[in-house]
Each structure stands twice: as structure tokens, then as C-alpha cells.
C-alpha atoms as a PDB file:
ATOM      1  CA  GLU A   1       4.933 -24.618   1.414  1.00  0.00           C
ATOM      2  CA  VAL A   2       4.513 -21.744   3.550  1.00  0.00           C
ATOM      3  CA  VAL A   3       3.195 -21.416   6.965  1.00  0.00           C
ATOM      4  CA  GLU A   4       2.121 -18.333   8.797  1.00  0.00           C
ATOM      5  CA  GLY A   5       4.391 -16.039   6.379  1.00  0.00           C
ATOM      6  CA  LYS A   6       7.435 -18.217   7.263  1.00  0.00           C
ATOM      7  CA  LYS A   7       9.013 -20.604   4.540  1.00  0.00           C
ATOM      8  CA  GLU A   8       9.533 -24.047   5.399  1.00  0.00           C
ATOM      9  CA  ILE A   9      13.068 -25.539   3.860  1.00  0.00           C
ATOM     10  CA  GLY A  10      12.749 -29.239   4.341  1.00  0.00           C
ATOM     11  CA  CYS A  11      12.575 -29.765   8.288  1.00  0.00           C
ATOM     12  CA  ARG A  12      14.219 -26.424   8.664  1.00  0.00           C
ATOM     13  CA  ARG A  13      12.714 -23.086   9.957  1.00  0.00           C
ATOM     14  CA  VAL A  14      14.747 -19.770   9.853  1.00  0.00           C
ATOM     15  CA  GLU A  15      13.762 -17.551  12.562  1.00  0.00           C
ATOM     16  CA  TYR A  16      14.930 -13.824  13.294  1.00  0.00           C
ATOM     17  CA  ARG A  17      15.549 -13.639  17.336  1.00  0.00           C
ATOM     18  CA  GLU A  18      17.957 -10.665  17.457  1.00  0.00           C
ATOM     19  CA  GLY A  19      15.512  -8.219  18.361  1.00  0.00           C
ATOM     20  CA  LEU A  20      16.019  -4.383  17.527  1.00  0.00           C
ATOM     21  CA  ASN A  21      19.603  -3.708  19.210  1.00  0.00           C
ATOM     22  CA  VAL A  22      21.749  -5.336  16.915  1.00  0.00           C
ATOM     23  CA  GLY A  23      24.669  -3.717  14.678  1.00  0.00           C
ATOM     24  CA  TYR A  24      25.354   0.059  15.640  1.00  0.00           C
ATOM     25  CA  ARG A  25      22.320   0.062  17.166  1.00  0.00           C
ATOM     26  CA  TYR A  26      23.676  -2.215  20.282  1.00  0.00           C
ATOM     27  CA  TYR A  27      26.944  -0.166  20.424  1.00  0.00           C
ATOM     28  CA  ASP A  28      24.774   3.221  20.379  1.00  0.00           C
ATOM     29  CA  THR A  29      22.623   1.748  23.381  1.00  0.00           C
ATOM     30  CA  ALA A  30      25.462   0.870  25.302  1.00  0.00           C
ATOM     31  CA  LYS A  31      27.580   3.990  24.934  1.00  0.00           C
ATOM     32  CA  LYS A  32      30.186   2.238  23.421  1.00  0.00           C
ATOM     33  CA  SER A  33      32.716   3.960  20.818  1.00  0.00           C
ATOM     34  CA  VAL A  34      33.738   2.424  17.401  1.00  0.00           C
ATOM     35  CA  LEU A  35      36.120   2.685  15.119  1.00  0.00           C
ATOM     36  CA  PHE A  36      33.790   4.121  12.000  1.00  0.00           C
ATOM     37  CA  PRO A  37      30.562   5.697  12.672  1.00  0.00           C
ATOM     38  CA  PHE A  38      27.354   4.304  11.048  1.00  0.00           C
ATOM     39  CA  GLY A  39      27.150   6.452   8.483  1.00  0.00           C
ATOM     40  CA  HIS A  40      30.977   7.415   7.929  1.00  0.00           C
ATOM     41  CA  GLY A  41      31.937   6.968   4.683  1.00  0.00           C
ATOM     42  CA  LEU A  42      35.736   6.568   4.027  1.00  0.00           C
ATOM     43  CA  SER A  43      36.998   9.125   1.060  1.00  0.00           C
ATOM     44  CA  TYR A  44      39.790  10.849  -0.190  1.00  0.00           C
ATOM     45  CA  ALA A  45      38.042  13.761  -0.943  1.00  0.00           C
ATOM     46  CA  SER A  46      36.938  16.950   1.075  1.00  0.00           C
ATOM     47  CA  PHE A  47      33.437  18.141   1.026  1.00  0.00           C
ATOM     48  CA  GLU A  48      31.772  21.888   2.579  1.00  0.00           C
ATOM     49  CA  TYR A  49      28.113  21.558   3.608  1.00  0.00           C
ATOM     50  CA  GLY A  50      26.358  25.058   3.231  1.00  0.00           C
ATOM     51  CA  GLN A  51      23.189  25.536   4.739  1.00  0.00           C
ATOM     52  CA  ILE A  52      20.275  23.109   4.918  1.00  0.00           C
ATOM     53  CA  ARG A  53      17.235  24.826   3.753  1.00  0.00           C
ATOM     54  CA  ILE A  54      13.646  23.778   4.229  1.00  0.00           C
ATOM     55  CA  ALA A  55      12.315  24.085   0.424  1.00  0.00           C
ATOM     56  CA  SER A  56       8.737  22.874   0.949  1.00  0.00           C
ATOM     57  CA  PHE A  57       6.550  21.400   3.744  1.00  0.00           C
ATOM     58  CA  THR A  58       3.415  19.635   2.997  1.00  0.00           C
ATOM     59  CA  THR A  59       0.445  18.043   5.181  1.00  0.00           C
ATOM     60  CA  GLN A  60      -2.367  16.100   3.414  1.00  0.00           C
ATOM     61  CA  LYS A  61      -3.409  14.362   6.599  1.00  0.00           C
ATOM     62  CA  GLU A  62      -1.975  14.148  10.056  1.00  0.00           C
ATOM     63  CA  GLU A  63      -0.035  11.185   9.764  1.00  0.00           C
ATOM     64  CA  GLU A  64       1.565  12.052   6.271  1.00  0.00           C
ATOM     65  CA  ILE A  65       3.943  14.851   6.022  1.00  0.00           C
ATOM     66  CA  GLN A  66       6.180  15.835   2.975  1.00  0.00           C
ATOM     67  CA  VAL A  67       9.235  17.638   3.722  1.00  0.00           C
ATOM     68  CA  ASP A  68      11.497  18.671   0.926  1.00  0.00           C
ATOM     69  CA  LEU A  69      15.207  19.983   2.283  1.00  0.00           C
ATOM     70  CA  GLU A  70      18.284  21.029   0.179  1.00  0.00           C
ATOM     71  CA  VAL A  71      21.908  21.965   0.857  1.00  0.00           C
ATOM     72  CA  GLU A  72      24.370  23.042  -1.148  1.00  0.00           C
ATOM     73  CA  ILE A  73      27.572  20.742  -1.502  1.00  0.00           C
ATOM     74  CA  GLN A  74      31.178  21.629  -2.907  1.00  0.00           C
ATOM     75  CA  ASN A  75      34.041  19.299  -3.190  1.00  0.00           C
ATOM     76  CA  ILE A  76      36.679  21.129  -1.672  1.00  0.00           C
ATOM     77  CA  SER A  77      39.084  18.589  -2.371  1.00  0.00           C
ATOM     78  CA  ASN A  78      41.769  17.900  -5.904  1.00  0.00           C
ATOM     79  CA  VAL A  79      40.008  14.833  -6.489  1.00  0.00           C
ATOM     80  CA  ALA A  80      36.553  14.441  -8.212  1.00  0.00           C
ATOM     81  CA  ALA A  81      34.413  12.800  -6.223  1.00  0.00           C
ATOM     82  CA  ALA A  82      30.573  12.620  -5.678  1.00  0.00           C
ATOM     83  CA  GLU A  83      28.505  12.997  -1.784  1.00  0.00           C
ATOM     84  CA  VAL A  84      25.140  11.530  -0.901  1.00  0.00           C
ATOM     85  CA  VAL A  85      23.149  13.300   1.684  1.00  0.00           C
ATOM     86  CA  GLN A  86      21.381  11.615   4.184  1.00  0.00           C
ATOM     87  CA  CYS A  87      18.497  12.827   6.409  1.00  0.00           C
ATOM     88  CA  TYR A  88      17.035  10.778   9.598  1.00  0.00           C
ATOM     89  CA  VAL A  89      14.043  11.473  11.369  1.00  0.00           C
ATOM     90  CA  HIS A  90      12.053   9.909  14.045  1.00  0.00           C
ATOM     91  CA  ASP A  91       8.974  10.143  16.114  1.00  0.00           C
ATOM     92  CA  VAL A  92      10.062  12.821  19.369  1.00  0.00           C
ATOM     93  CA  GLU A  93       7.627  10.085  21.153  1.00  0.00           C
ATOM     94  CA  SER A  94       6.932   7.039  20.354  1.00  0.00           C
ATOM     95  CA  THR A  95       4.615   4.207  21.523  1.00  0.00           C
ATOM     96  CA  VAL A  96       6.980   1.553  20.149  1.00  0.00           C
ATOM     97  CA  TYR A  97       9.943   0.670  21.586  1.00  0.00           C
ATOM     98  CA  ARG A  98      13.383   2.212  19.344  1.00  0.00           C
ATOM     99  CA  PRO A  99      16.611   2.107  20.635  1.00  0.00           C
END
């Protein structure tokens, strides 16, 4: 039986109460150092990143923006490997609390 979007399992109910400052966000907010920062991948390979370029920028509505980025990456090590580029964006002035 589903009650207000929560699934009842027998007589038990599971509720998420940790809030937003969990995991790496706690360490960022508390300004504590960690051994491996968020997004830090361990690899035997080394990569060289070129300049990042905005390939295209389009707006269809004020709240809908699409940006395509390009960056050249070169494996400069002696082992075969792959790399994943991640891009994080955020509101400069958010009305919602975000750590």
C-alpha cells in the first residue's frame, strides 16, 4: 500500500532525515580535508587537458539554456586508459539552500 508517496513495508516506514550536508557536502561545508576529494579518480594514466571551448549556446526560454562544451584530452602516459570529463553548474543566486 502506498501512502503519500511513501511505501509501507509491514509496520515499518523508511524516512530520509539526513538533509543535504551528507557525504562530501559535509566536508565541504565544514571545510575539512579528505584523502580523496569528490570526483578524484585513481588511475595509472595521466591526461593533459586542452582549452575548454563553448561549442554552442542556445536559449529557448529564459529558464532553459543549453550549452555544449568541447575540450581536447590527450593520454600522456604509457598505459591505455580512458577519461571522463565532468562539468558542474550551479545558480549564482539560489533561493533554495544549497551547500
